[in-house]
Amino acid sequence: MAIGTKELATSELDTFEDQRLVEELRKAKEELFNLRFQSATGQLESHGRIRAVKRDIARLYTVIRERELGIRATPAPVETGKTKKKAKKADAPAESAEVKEEAE
């Protein structure tokens, strides 16, 4: 996902997990550093890009802080198929042990 675009809207940020928000924030800060470096050396072509990245950083900080305060809900963790299978396998031996104990 490109930083500084309409793709980084707050409605989309609501679906991100906390770890992904931190990762997006790190990417945005890195891009801002690179843009400032290009500006200082005279290589920057699009000065509006700096403004867009700054807004993205502010948007990310806002969503993170709102989640800390409980204003914005965090997304529910999604279980993958592999974790469900492991849970079933772990439950099966326990059930068979209980059945053996009841039979005795």
C-alpha atoms as a PDB file:
ATOM      1  CA  MET A   1       0.000   0.000   0.000  1.00  0.00           C
ATOM      2  CA  ALA A   2       1.349   3.382  -0.936  1.00  0.00           C
ATOM      3  CA  ILE A   3       1.767   5.938   1.802  1.00  0.00           C
ATOM      4  CA  GLY A   4       0.187   9.351   1.259  1.00  0.00           C
ATOM      5  CA  THR A   5      -2.761   8.207  -0.810  1.00  0.00           C
ATOM      6  CA  LYS A   6      -6.491   7.876  -0.393  1.00  0.00           C
ATOM      7  CA  GLU A   7      -5.898   4.200   0.389  1.00  0.00           C
ATOM      8  CA  LEU A   8      -4.782   5.168   3.898  1.00  0.00           C
ATOM      9  CA  ALA A   9      -8.194   6.448   4.994  1.00  0.00           C
ATOM     10  CA  THR A  10      -9.386   6.170   8.577  1.00  0.00           C
ATOM     11  CA  SER A  11     -12.053   3.664   7.562  1.00  0.00           C
ATOM     12  CA  GLU A  12      -9.312   1.379   6.256  1.00  0.00           C
ATOM     13  CA  LEU A  13      -7.107   1.988   9.293  1.00  0.00           C
ATOM     14  CA  ASP A  14      -9.915   0.661  11.493  1.00  0.00           C
ATOM     15  CA  THR A  15      -9.384  -2.791   9.993  1.00  0.00           C
ATOM     16  CA  PHE A  16      -5.636  -2.847  10.736  1.00  0.00           C
ATOM     17  CA  GLU A  17      -4.283  -4.581  13.810  1.00  0.00           C
ATOM     18  CA  ASP A  18      -2.091  -2.611  16.219  1.00  0.00           C
ATOM     19  CA  GLN A  19       1.122  -4.195  14.952  1.00  0.00           C
ATOM     20  CA  ARG A  20       0.302  -3.272  11.363  1.00  0.00           C
ATOM     21  CA  LEU A  21      -0.442   0.323  12.369  1.00  0.00           C
ATOM     22  CA  VAL A  22       2.980   0.581  13.983  1.00  0.00           C
ATOM     23  CA  GLU A  23       4.576  -0.890  10.853  1.00  0.00           C
ATOM     24  CA  GLU A  24       2.752   1.602   8.607  1.00  0.00           C
ATOM     25  CA  LEU A  25       3.880   4.420  10.907  1.00  0.00           C
ATOM     26  CA  ARG A  26       7.488   3.269  10.621  1.00  0.00           C
ATOM     27  CA  LYS A  27       7.217   3.182   6.816  1.00  0.00           C
ATOM     28  CA  ALA A  28       5.689   6.663   6.705  1.00  0.00           C
ATOM     29  CA  LYS A  29       8.409   8.126   8.930  1.00  0.00           C
ATOM     30  CA  GLU A  30      11.076   6.510   6.779  1.00  0.00           C
ATOM     31  CA  GLU A  31       9.500   7.935   3.641  1.00  0.00           C
ATOM     32  CA  LEU A  32       9.296  11.403   5.229  1.00  0.00           C
ATOM     33  CA  PHE A  33      12.991  11.201   6.087  1.00  0.00           C
ATOM     34  CA  ASN A  34      13.838  10.278   2.497  1.00  0.00           C
ATOM     35  CA  LEU A  35      11.668  13.090   1.127  1.00  0.00           C
ATOM     36  CA  ARG A  36      13.313  15.649   3.415  1.00  0.00           C
ATOM     37  CA  PHE A  37      16.721  14.388   2.358  1.00  0.00           C
ATOM     38  CA  GLN A  38      15.756  14.751  -1.311  1.00  0.00           C
ATOM     39  CA  SER A  39      14.460  18.242  -0.623  1.00  0.00           C
ATOM     40  CA  ALA A  40      17.705  19.278   1.042  1.00  0.00           C
ATOM     41  CA  THR A  41      19.778  18.002  -1.878  1.00  0.00           C
ATOM     42  CA  GLY A  42      17.494  19.556  -4.494  1.00  0.00           C
ATOM     43  CA  GLN A  43      16.323  16.245  -5.944  1.00  0.00           C
ATOM     44  CA  LEU A  44      12.679  16.407  -4.770  1.00  0.00           C
ATOM     45  CA  GLU A  45      10.206  16.672  -7.635  1.00  0.00           C
ATOM     46  CA  SER A  46       6.913  16.631  -5.753  1.00  0.00           C
ATOM     47  CA  HIS A  47       6.840  18.908  -2.709  1.00  0.00           C
ATOM     48  CA  GLY A  48       3.191  18.055  -2.062  1.00  0.00           C
ATOM     49  CA  ARG A  49       4.257  14.537  -1.210  1.00  0.00           C
ATOM     50  CA  ILE A  50       5.840  15.762   2.045  1.00  0.00           C
ATOM     51  CA  ARG A  51       2.525  17.239   3.126  1.00  0.00           C
ATOM     52  CA  ALA A  52       0.635  14.028   2.273  1.00  0.00           C
ATOM     53  CA  VAL A  53       3.057  11.858   4.244  1.00  0.00           C
ATOM     54  CA  LYS A  54       2.880  14.200   7.249  1.00  0.00           C
ATOM     55  CA  ARG A  55      -0.893  13.892   7.202  1.00  0.00           C
ATOM     56  CA  ASP A  56      -0.644  10.105   7.037  1.00  0.00           C
ATOM     57  CA  ILE A  57       1.656  10.102  10.057  1.00  0.00           C
ATOM     58  CA  ALA A  58      -0.789  12.289  11.982  1.00  0.00           C
ATOM     59  CA  ARG A  59      -3.673  10.036  10.951  1.00  0.00           C
ATOM     60  CA  LEU A  60      -1.812   6.931  12.159  1.00  0.00           C
ATOM     61  CA  TYR A  61      -0.917   8.556  15.488  1.00  0.00           C
ATOM     62  CA  THR A  62      -4.558   9.574  15.951  1.00  0.00           C
ATOM     63  CA  VAL A  63      -5.896   6.059  15.376  1.00  0.00           C
ATOM     64  CA  ILE A  64      -3.287   4.526  17.699  1.00  0.00           C
ATOM     65  CA  ARG A  65      -4.073   7.028  20.468  1.00  0.00           C
ATOM     66  CA  GLU A  66      -7.838   6.616  20.087  1.00  0.00           C
ATOM     67  CA  ARG A  67      -7.421   2.868  20.519  1.00  0.00           C
ATOM     68  CA  GLU A  68      -5.361   3.423  23.674  1.00  0.00           C
ATOM     69  CA  LEU A  69      -8.110   5.621  25.118  1.00  0.00           C
ATOM     70  CA  GLY A  70     -10.870   3.222  24.076  1.00  0.00           C
ATOM     71  CA  ILE A  71     -12.515   5.703  21.718  1.00  0.00           C
ATOM     72  CA  ARG A  72     -11.925   3.539  18.657  1.00  0.00           C
ATOM     73  CA  ALA A  73     -12.430  -0.230  18.780  1.00  0.00           C
ATOM     74  CA  THR A  74      -9.616  -2.592  17.862  1.00  0.00           C
ATOM     75  CA  PRO A  75     -10.432  -5.224  15.247  1.00  0.00           C
ATOM     76  CA  ALA A  76     -11.179  -8.737  16.458  1.00  0.00           C
ATOM     77  CA  PRO A  77      -8.318 -11.189  15.863  1.00  0.00           C
ATOM     78  CA  VAL A  78      -8.928 -13.454  12.909  1.00  0.00           C
ATOM     79  CA  GLU A  79      -8.245 -17.139  13.455  1.00  0.00           C
ATOM     80  CA  THR A  80      -6.602 -19.041  10.653  1.00  0.00           C
ATOM     81  CA  GLY A  81      -7.556 -22.556   9.648  1.00  0.00           C
ATOM     82  CA  LYS A  82      -4.303 -23.976  11.013  1.00  0.00           C
ATOM     83  CA  THR A  83      -4.938 -22.783  14.563  1.00  0.00           C
ATOM     84  CA  LYS A  84      -8.415 -24.290  14.547  1.00  0.00           C
ATOM     85  CA  LYS A  85      -7.057 -27.688  13.491  1.00  0.00           C
ATOM     86  CA  LYS A  86      -4.412 -27.615  16.197  1.00  0.00           C
ATOM     87  CA  ALA A  87      -7.028 -26.783  18.796  1.00  0.00           C
ATOM     88  CA  LYS A  88      -9.178 -29.716  17.678  1.00  0.00           C
ATOM     89  CA  LYS A  89      -6.247 -32.098  17.787  1.00  0.00           C
ATOM     90  CA  ALA A  90      -5.320 -30.900  21.251  1.00  0.00           C
ATOM     91  CA  ASP A  91      -8.906 -31.383  22.469  1.00  0.00           C
ATOM     92  CA  ALA A  92      -9.234 -34.907  21.050  1.00  0.00           C
ATOM     93  CA  PRO A  93      -6.635 -36.639  23.291  1.00  0.00           C
ATOM     94  CA  ALA A  94      -8.012 -34.896  26.362  1.00  0.00           C
ATOM     95  CA  GLU A  95     -11.519 -36.112  25.576  1.00  0.00           C
ATOM     96  CA  SER A  96     -10.357 -39.704  25.073  1.00  0.00           C
ATOM     97  CA  ALA A  97      -8.517 -39.599  28.411  1.00  0.00           C
ATOM     98  CA  GLU A  98     -11.676 -38.366  30.129  1.00  0.00           C
ATOM     99  CA  VAL A  99     -13.728 -41.141  28.543  1.00  0.00           C
ATOM    100  CA  LYS A 100     -11.237 -43.772  29.768  1.00  0.00           C
ATOM    101  CA  GLU A 101     -11.376 -42.367  33.295  1.00  0.00           C
ATOM    102  CA  GLU A 102     -15.183 -42.411  33.288  1.00  0.00           C
ATOM    103  CA  ALA A 103     -15.231 -46.023  32.061  1.00  0.00           C
ATOM    104  CA  GLU A 104     -13.070 -47.158  34.978  1.00  0.00           C
END
